[in-house]
Amino acid sequence: MNDTIHRWFAEHPGSVGETYTEHFRVAFSFSMWLFYGAFACLVHAVFPAFYKRTGSATVKRLHAVMMARQPASTRAAYQEPAWRPEYEI
């Protein structure tokens, strides 16, 4: 049971040098920005005059934040040999 709890809640945050609470805060923040970007893209799809650059600006901002959080000695996730996209677009 403790192994399962550790795997679910602590293994990944620990692997990126964060506590569960720190990881939660960062991941939650990213999810809110993604919802905002998705909403802007949806509105833009219906009304092209609105949110012309919000979706791409949101993706660029999140990418910059993610890259800044990576240790200098590590490669970006997409540069790892074992990396595979979870979903195809």
C-alpha atoms as a PDB file:
ATOM      1  CA  MET A   1       0.000   0.000   0.000  1.00  0.00           C
ATOM      2  CA  ASN A   2       2.731   2.483   0.929  1.00  0.00           C
ATOM      3  CA  ASP A   3       4.551   1.710  -2.328  1.00  0.00           C
ATOM      4  CA  THR A   4       1.417   2.498  -4.293  1.00  0.00           C
ATOM      5  CA  ILE A   5       0.835   5.752  -2.427  1.00  0.00           C
ATOM      6  CA  HIS A   6       4.465   6.755  -2.900  1.00  0.00           C
ATOM      7  CA  ARG A   7       4.310   5.921  -6.607  1.00  0.00           C
ATOM      8  CA  TRP A   8       1.103   7.900  -7.113  1.00  0.00           C
ATOM      9  CA  PHE A   9       1.941  10.971  -5.079  1.00  0.00           C
ATOM     10  CA  ALA A  10       5.685  11.292  -4.503  1.00  0.00           C
ATOM     11  CA  GLU A  11       7.713   9.401  -7.086  1.00  0.00           C
ATOM     12  CA  HIS A  12       7.371  11.825 -10.006  1.00  0.00           C
ATOM     13  CA  PRO A  13       7.546  15.055  -7.957  1.00  0.00           C
ATOM     14  CA  GLY A  14      10.674  13.711  -6.288  1.00  0.00           C
ATOM     15  CA  SER A  15      12.207  12.855  -9.659  1.00  0.00           C
ATOM     16  CA  VAL A  16      11.961  16.521 -10.679  1.00  0.00           C
ATOM     17  CA  GLY A  17      13.198  17.827  -7.333  1.00  0.00           C
ATOM     18  CA  GLU A  18       9.860  18.943  -5.915  1.00  0.00           C
ATOM     19  CA  THR A  19       7.608  18.041  -3.040  1.00  0.00           C
ATOM     20  CA  TYR A  20       4.057  16.938  -3.783  1.00  0.00           C
ATOM     21  CA  THR A  21       2.763  20.406  -2.822  1.00  0.00           C
ATOM     22  CA  GLU A  22       5.289  22.235  -5.008  1.00  0.00           C
ATOM     23  CA  HIS A  23       4.515  19.961  -7.938  1.00  0.00           C
ATOM     24  CA  PHE A  24       0.775  20.374  -7.422  1.00  0.00           C
ATOM     25  CA  ARG A  25       1.095  24.165  -7.469  1.00  0.00           C
ATOM     26  CA  VAL A  26       3.136  24.178 -10.688  1.00  0.00           C
ATOM     27  CA  ALA A  27       0.994  21.575 -12.465  1.00  0.00           C
ATOM     28  CA  PHE A  28      -2.221  23.311 -11.405  1.00  0.00           C
ATOM     29  CA  SER A  29      -0.896  26.635 -12.692  1.00  0.00           C
ATOM     30  CA  PHE A  30      -0.042  25.026 -16.023  1.00  0.00           C
ATOM     31  CA  SER A  31      -3.521  23.513 -16.252  1.00  0.00           C
ATOM     32  CA  MET A  32      -5.161  26.899 -15.676  1.00  0.00           C
ATOM     33  CA  TRP A  33      -3.029  28.504 -18.414  1.00  0.00           C
ATOM     34  CA  LEU A  34      -3.886  25.611 -20.754  1.00  0.00           C
ATOM     35  CA  PHE A  35      -7.620  26.046 -20.068  1.00  0.00           C
ATOM     36  CA  TYR A  36      -7.248  29.767 -20.767  1.00  0.00           C
ATOM     37  CA  GLY A  37      -5.401  29.079 -24.036  1.00  0.00           C
ATOM     38  CA  ALA A  38      -7.924  26.440 -25.072  1.00  0.00           C
ATOM     39  CA  PHE A  39     -10.830  28.784 -24.364  1.00  0.00           C
ATOM     40  CA  ALA A  40      -9.160  31.538 -26.398  1.00  0.00           C
ATOM     41  CA  CYS A  41      -8.641  29.122 -29.307  1.00  0.00           C
ATOM     42  CA  LEU A  42     -12.281  28.026 -29.157  1.00  0.00           C
ATOM     43  CA  VAL A  43     -13.516  31.624 -29.213  1.00  0.00           C
ATOM     44  CA  HIS A  44     -11.062  32.417 -32.010  1.00  0.00           C
ATOM     45  CA  ALA A  45     -12.374  29.469 -34.049  1.00  0.00           C
ATOM     46  CA  VAL A  46     -15.899  30.903 -33.913  1.00  0.00           C
ATOM     47  CA  PHE A  47     -14.946  34.592 -34.025  1.00  0.00           C
ATOM     48  CA  PRO A  48     -11.598  34.940 -35.874  1.00  0.00           C
ATOM     49  CA  ALA A  49     -11.302  38.614 -34.918  1.00  0.00           C
ATOM     50  CA  PHE A  50     -10.949  37.702 -31.223  1.00  0.00           C
ATOM     51  CA  TYR A  51      -7.918  36.232 -29.435  1.00  0.00           C
ATOM     52  CA  LYS A  52      -5.779  36.300 -32.580  1.00  0.00           C
ATOM     53  CA  ARG A  53      -2.533  35.412 -30.812  1.00  0.00           C
ATOM     54  CA  THR A  54      -3.604  34.283 -27.361  1.00  0.00           C
ATOM     55  CA  GLY A  55      -3.368  30.534 -27.995  1.00  0.00           C
ATOM     56  CA  SER A  56       0.126  30.648 -29.471  1.00  0.00           C
ATOM     57  CA  ALA A  57       1.292  33.191 -26.872  1.00  0.00           C
ATOM     58  CA  THR A  58       0.065  30.880 -24.106  1.00  0.00           C
ATOM     59  CA  VAL A  59       1.922  27.884 -25.562  1.00  0.00           C
ATOM     60  CA  LYS A  60       5.100  29.955 -25.965  1.00  0.00           C
ATOM     61  CA  ARG A  61       4.839  31.243 -22.403  1.00  0.00           C
ATOM     62  CA  LEU A  62       4.365  27.771 -20.961  1.00  0.00           C
ATOM     63  CA  HIS A  63       7.259  26.425 -23.023  1.00  0.00           C
ATOM     64  CA  ALA A  64       9.532  29.195 -21.743  1.00  0.00           C
ATOM     65  CA  VAL A  65       8.511  28.518 -18.140  1.00  0.00           C
ATOM     66  CA  MET A  66       9.011  24.774 -18.587  1.00  0.00           C
ATOM     67  CA  MET A  67      12.464  25.218 -20.147  1.00  0.00           C
ATOM     68  CA  ALA A  68      13.520  27.660 -17.413  1.00  0.00           C
ATOM     69  CA  ARG A  69      12.598  25.084 -14.764  1.00  0.00           C
ATOM     70  CA  GLN A  70      14.807  22.383 -16.299  1.00  0.00           C
ATOM     71  CA  PRO A  71      18.283  21.898 -14.872  1.00  0.00           C
ATOM     72  CA  ALA A  72      20.957  23.074 -17.316  1.00  0.00           C
ATOM     73  CA  SER A  73      22.515  19.617 -17.425  1.00  0.00           C
ATOM     74  CA  THR A  74      19.391  17.840 -18.653  1.00  0.00           C
ATOM     75  CA  ARG A  75      17.913  17.674 -22.093  1.00  0.00           C
ATOM     76  CA  ALA A  76      14.374  18.686 -22.901  1.00  0.00           C
ATOM     77  CA  ALA A  77      11.921  15.773 -22.736  1.00  0.00           C
ATOM     78  CA  TYR A  78      11.479  15.664 -26.513  1.00  0.00           C
ATOM     79  CA  GLN A  79      15.263  15.260 -26.914  1.00  0.00           C
ATOM     80  CA  GLU A  80      15.351  12.074 -24.861  1.00  0.00           C
ATOM     81  CA  PRO A  81      15.734   8.920 -26.988  1.00  0.00           C
ATOM     82  CA  ALA A  82      12.823   7.185 -25.242  1.00  0.00           C
ATOM     83  CA  TRP A  83      10.420  10.105 -25.651  1.00  0.00           C
ATOM     84  CA  ARG A  84       7.217   9.497 -27.564  1.00  0.00           C
ATOM     85  CA  PRO A  85       4.241  11.825 -27.852  1.00  0.00           C
ATOM     86  CA  GLU A  86       1.330  10.608 -25.772  1.00  0.00           C
ATOM     87  CA  TYR A  87      -1.173  11.669 -28.400  1.00  0.00           C
ATOM     88  CA  GLU A  88      -0.881  12.346 -32.090  1.00  0.00           C
ATOM     89  CA  ILE A  89      -2.367  15.595 -33.306  1.00  0.00           C
END
